[in-house]
């Protein structure tokens, strides 16, 4: 079924593709970042270590719509590197 006929709205004529080049569509091309990704040399935001960087972890109920009524965080507080344990 043609949507332009059923909705009364004409389809757009300009698809917003200004740099369309029919000579490269469907043909193989070199990836600019391919070599660094394949060799493992690519650096991602997770690879960057900033001074005094702190990570956070959120735990939720493993049961759908379940509620955590009580949790003992004393062992987590004793673990090396743990700054704080919050119950929200």
C-alpha atoms as a PDB file:
ATOM      1  CA  UNK A   1       0.000   0.000   0.000  1.00  0.00           C
ATOM      2  CA  UNK A   2       1.411   3.420  -0.943  1.00  0.00           C
ATOM      3  CA  UNK A   3       1.642   5.608   2.178  1.00  0.00           C
ATOM      4  CA  UNK A   4       1.623   8.866   0.228  1.00  0.00           C
ATOM      5  CA  UNK A   5      -1.807   8.005  -1.151  1.00  0.00           C
ATOM      6  CA  UNK A   6      -3.285   6.756   2.129  1.00  0.00           C
ATOM      7  CA  UNK A   7      -1.989   9.582   4.349  1.00  0.00           C
ATOM      8  CA  UNK A   8      -2.462  12.401   1.849  1.00  0.00           C
ATOM      9  CA  UNK A   9       1.148  13.530   2.380  1.00  0.00           C
ATOM     10  CA  UNK A  10       3.570  13.601  -0.534  1.00  0.00           C
ATOM     11  CA  UNK A  11       6.864  11.759  -0.016  1.00  0.00           C
ATOM     12  CA  UNK A  12       9.936  13.989   0.443  1.00  0.00           C
ATOM     13  CA  UNK A  13      11.897  14.788  -2.683  1.00  0.00           C
ATOM     14  CA  UNK A  14      15.139  15.809  -0.919  1.00  0.00           C
ATOM     15  CA  UNK A  15      16.569  12.934   1.132  1.00  0.00           C
ATOM     16  CA  UNK A  16      19.288  15.102   2.689  1.00  0.00           C
ATOM     17  CA  UNK A  17      22.201  13.237   1.121  1.00  0.00           C
ATOM     18  CA  UNK A  18      24.468  15.994  -0.107  1.00  0.00           C
ATOM     19  CA  UNK A  19      27.701  14.012  -0.580  1.00  0.00           C
ATOM     20  CA  UNK A  20      26.261  11.057  -2.487  1.00  0.00           C
ATOM     21  CA  UNK A  21      28.811   9.538  -4.859  1.00  0.00           C
ATOM     22  CA  UNK A  22      27.403   6.708  -7.019  1.00  0.00           C
ATOM     23  CA  UNK A  23      30.928   5.576  -7.950  1.00  0.00           C
ATOM     24  CA  UNK A  24      31.705   4.213  -4.444  1.00  0.00           C
ATOM     25  CA  UNK A  25      28.340   2.857  -3.324  1.00  0.00           C
ATOM     26  CA  UNK A  26      28.450  -0.926  -2.965  1.00  0.00           C
ATOM     27  CA  UNK A  27      32.211  -1.108  -3.550  1.00  0.00           C
ATOM     28  CA  UNK A  28      34.895  -1.974  -0.966  1.00  0.00           C
ATOM     29  CA  UNK A  29      36.784   0.911   0.585  1.00  0.00           C
ATOM     30  CA  UNK A  30      39.611   1.269   3.112  1.00  0.00           C
ATOM     31  CA  UNK A  31      38.724   1.975   6.722  1.00  0.00           C
ATOM     32  CA  UNK A  32      40.696   4.845   8.168  1.00  0.00           C
ATOM     33  CA  UNK A  33      40.722   3.309  11.666  1.00  0.00           C
ATOM     34  CA  UNK A  34      40.921  -0.348  10.634  1.00  0.00           C
ATOM     35  CA  UNK A  35      44.632  -0.944  11.286  1.00  0.00           C
ATOM     36  CA  UNK A  36      44.692   0.519  14.818  1.00  0.00           C
ATOM     37  CA  UNK A  37      41.568  -1.416  15.809  1.00  0.00           C
ATOM     38  CA  UNK A  38      42.839  -4.740  14.433  1.00  0.00           C
ATOM     39  CA  UNK A  39      46.259  -4.378  16.064  1.00  0.00           C
ATOM     40  CA  UNK A  40      44.780  -3.313  19.399  1.00  0.00           C
ATOM     41  CA  UNK A  41      46.495   0.063  19.277  1.00  0.00           C
ATOM     42  CA  UNK A  42      43.222   2.029  19.241  1.00  0.00           C
ATOM     43  CA  UNK A  43      42.592   3.992  22.410  1.00  0.00           C
ATOM     44  CA  UNK A  44      39.047   4.150  23.736  1.00  0.00           C
ATOM     45  CA  UNK A  45      37.645   6.309  26.513  1.00  0.00           C
ATOM     46  CA  UNK A  46      37.639   3.278  28.842  1.00  0.00           C
ATOM     47  CA  UNK A  47      41.410   2.974  28.332  1.00  0.00           C
ATOM     48  CA  UNK A  48      42.139   6.422  29.731  1.00  0.00           C
ATOM     49  CA  UNK A  49      43.140   6.571  33.410  1.00  0.00           C
ATOM     50  CA  UNK A  50      42.771   9.991  35.001  1.00  0.00           C
ATOM     51  CA  UNK A  51      44.290  10.899  38.373  1.00  0.00           C
ATOM     52  CA  UNK A  52      41.915  10.241  41.299  1.00  0.00           C
ATOM     53  CA  UNK A  53      39.378   8.574  38.988  1.00  0.00           C
ATOM     54  CA  UNK A  54      36.522   6.935  40.907  1.00  0.00           C
ATOM     55  CA  UNK A  55      34.226   4.239  39.522  1.00  0.00           C
ATOM     56  CA  UNK A  56      30.655   3.645  40.607  1.00  0.00           C
ATOM     57  CA  UNK A  57      28.645   0.441  40.641  1.00  0.00           C
ATOM     58  CA  UNK A  58      24.880   0.128  40.985  1.00  0.00           C
ATOM     59  CA  UNK A  59      23.221  -3.077  42.105  1.00  0.00           C
ATOM     60  CA  UNK A  60      19.569  -3.736  41.454  1.00  0.00           C
ATOM     61  CA  UNK A  61      17.224  -6.571  42.227  1.00  0.00           C
ATOM     62  CA  UNK A  62      17.733  -9.627  40.026  1.00  0.00           C
ATOM     63  CA  UNK A  63      13.981 -10.203  40.141  1.00  0.00           C
ATOM     64  CA  UNK A  64      11.772  -8.092  37.882  1.00  0.00           C
ATOM     65  CA  UNK A  65       9.969  -5.433  39.939  1.00  0.00           C
ATOM     66  CA  UNK A  66      11.691  -6.813  43.028  1.00  0.00           C
ATOM     67  CA  UNK A  67      12.774  -4.541  45.866  1.00  0.00           C
ATOM     68  CA  UNK A  68      15.930  -4.888  47.950  1.00  0.00           C
ATOM     69  CA  UNK A  69      14.728  -4.465  51.521  1.00  0.00           C
ATOM     70  CA  UNK A  70      18.018  -4.984  53.308  1.00  0.00           C
ATOM     71  CA  UNK A  71      21.663  -5.418  52.325  1.00  0.00           C
ATOM     72  CA  UNK A  72      24.853  -5.817  54.351  1.00  0.00           C
ATOM     73  CA  UNK A  73      27.599  -3.583  52.942  1.00  0.00           C
ATOM     74  CA  UNK A  74      30.155  -4.177  55.733  1.00  0.00           C
ATOM     75  CA  UNK A  75      32.304  -6.522  53.596  1.00  0.00           C
ATOM     76  CA  UNK A  76      32.226  -4.076  50.685  1.00  0.00           C
ATOM     77  CA  UNK A  77      33.385  -1.258  52.971  1.00  0.00           C
ATOM     78  CA  UNK A  78      36.402  -3.369  54.030  1.00  0.00           C
ATOM     79  CA  UNK A  79      37.500  -4.066  50.443  1.00  0.00           C
ATOM     80  CA  UNK A  80      40.610  -2.185  49.288  1.00  0.00           C
ATOM     81  CA  UNK A  81      39.853   0.882  47.182  1.00  0.00           C
ATOM     82  CA  UNK A  82      36.216   1.239  48.288  1.00  0.00           C
ATOM     83  CA  UNK A  83      35.521   4.837  49.262  1.00  0.00           C
ATOM     84  CA  UNK A  84      31.838   4.643  50.183  1.00  0.00           C
ATOM     85  CA  UNK A  85      28.860   2.334  49.985  1.00  0.00           C
ATOM     86  CA  UNK A  86      25.486   4.027  49.627  1.00  0.00           C
ATOM     87  CA  UNK A  87      22.019   2.564  49.944  1.00  0.00           C
ATOM     88  CA  UNK A  88      19.532   4.593  47.956  1.00  0.00           C
END
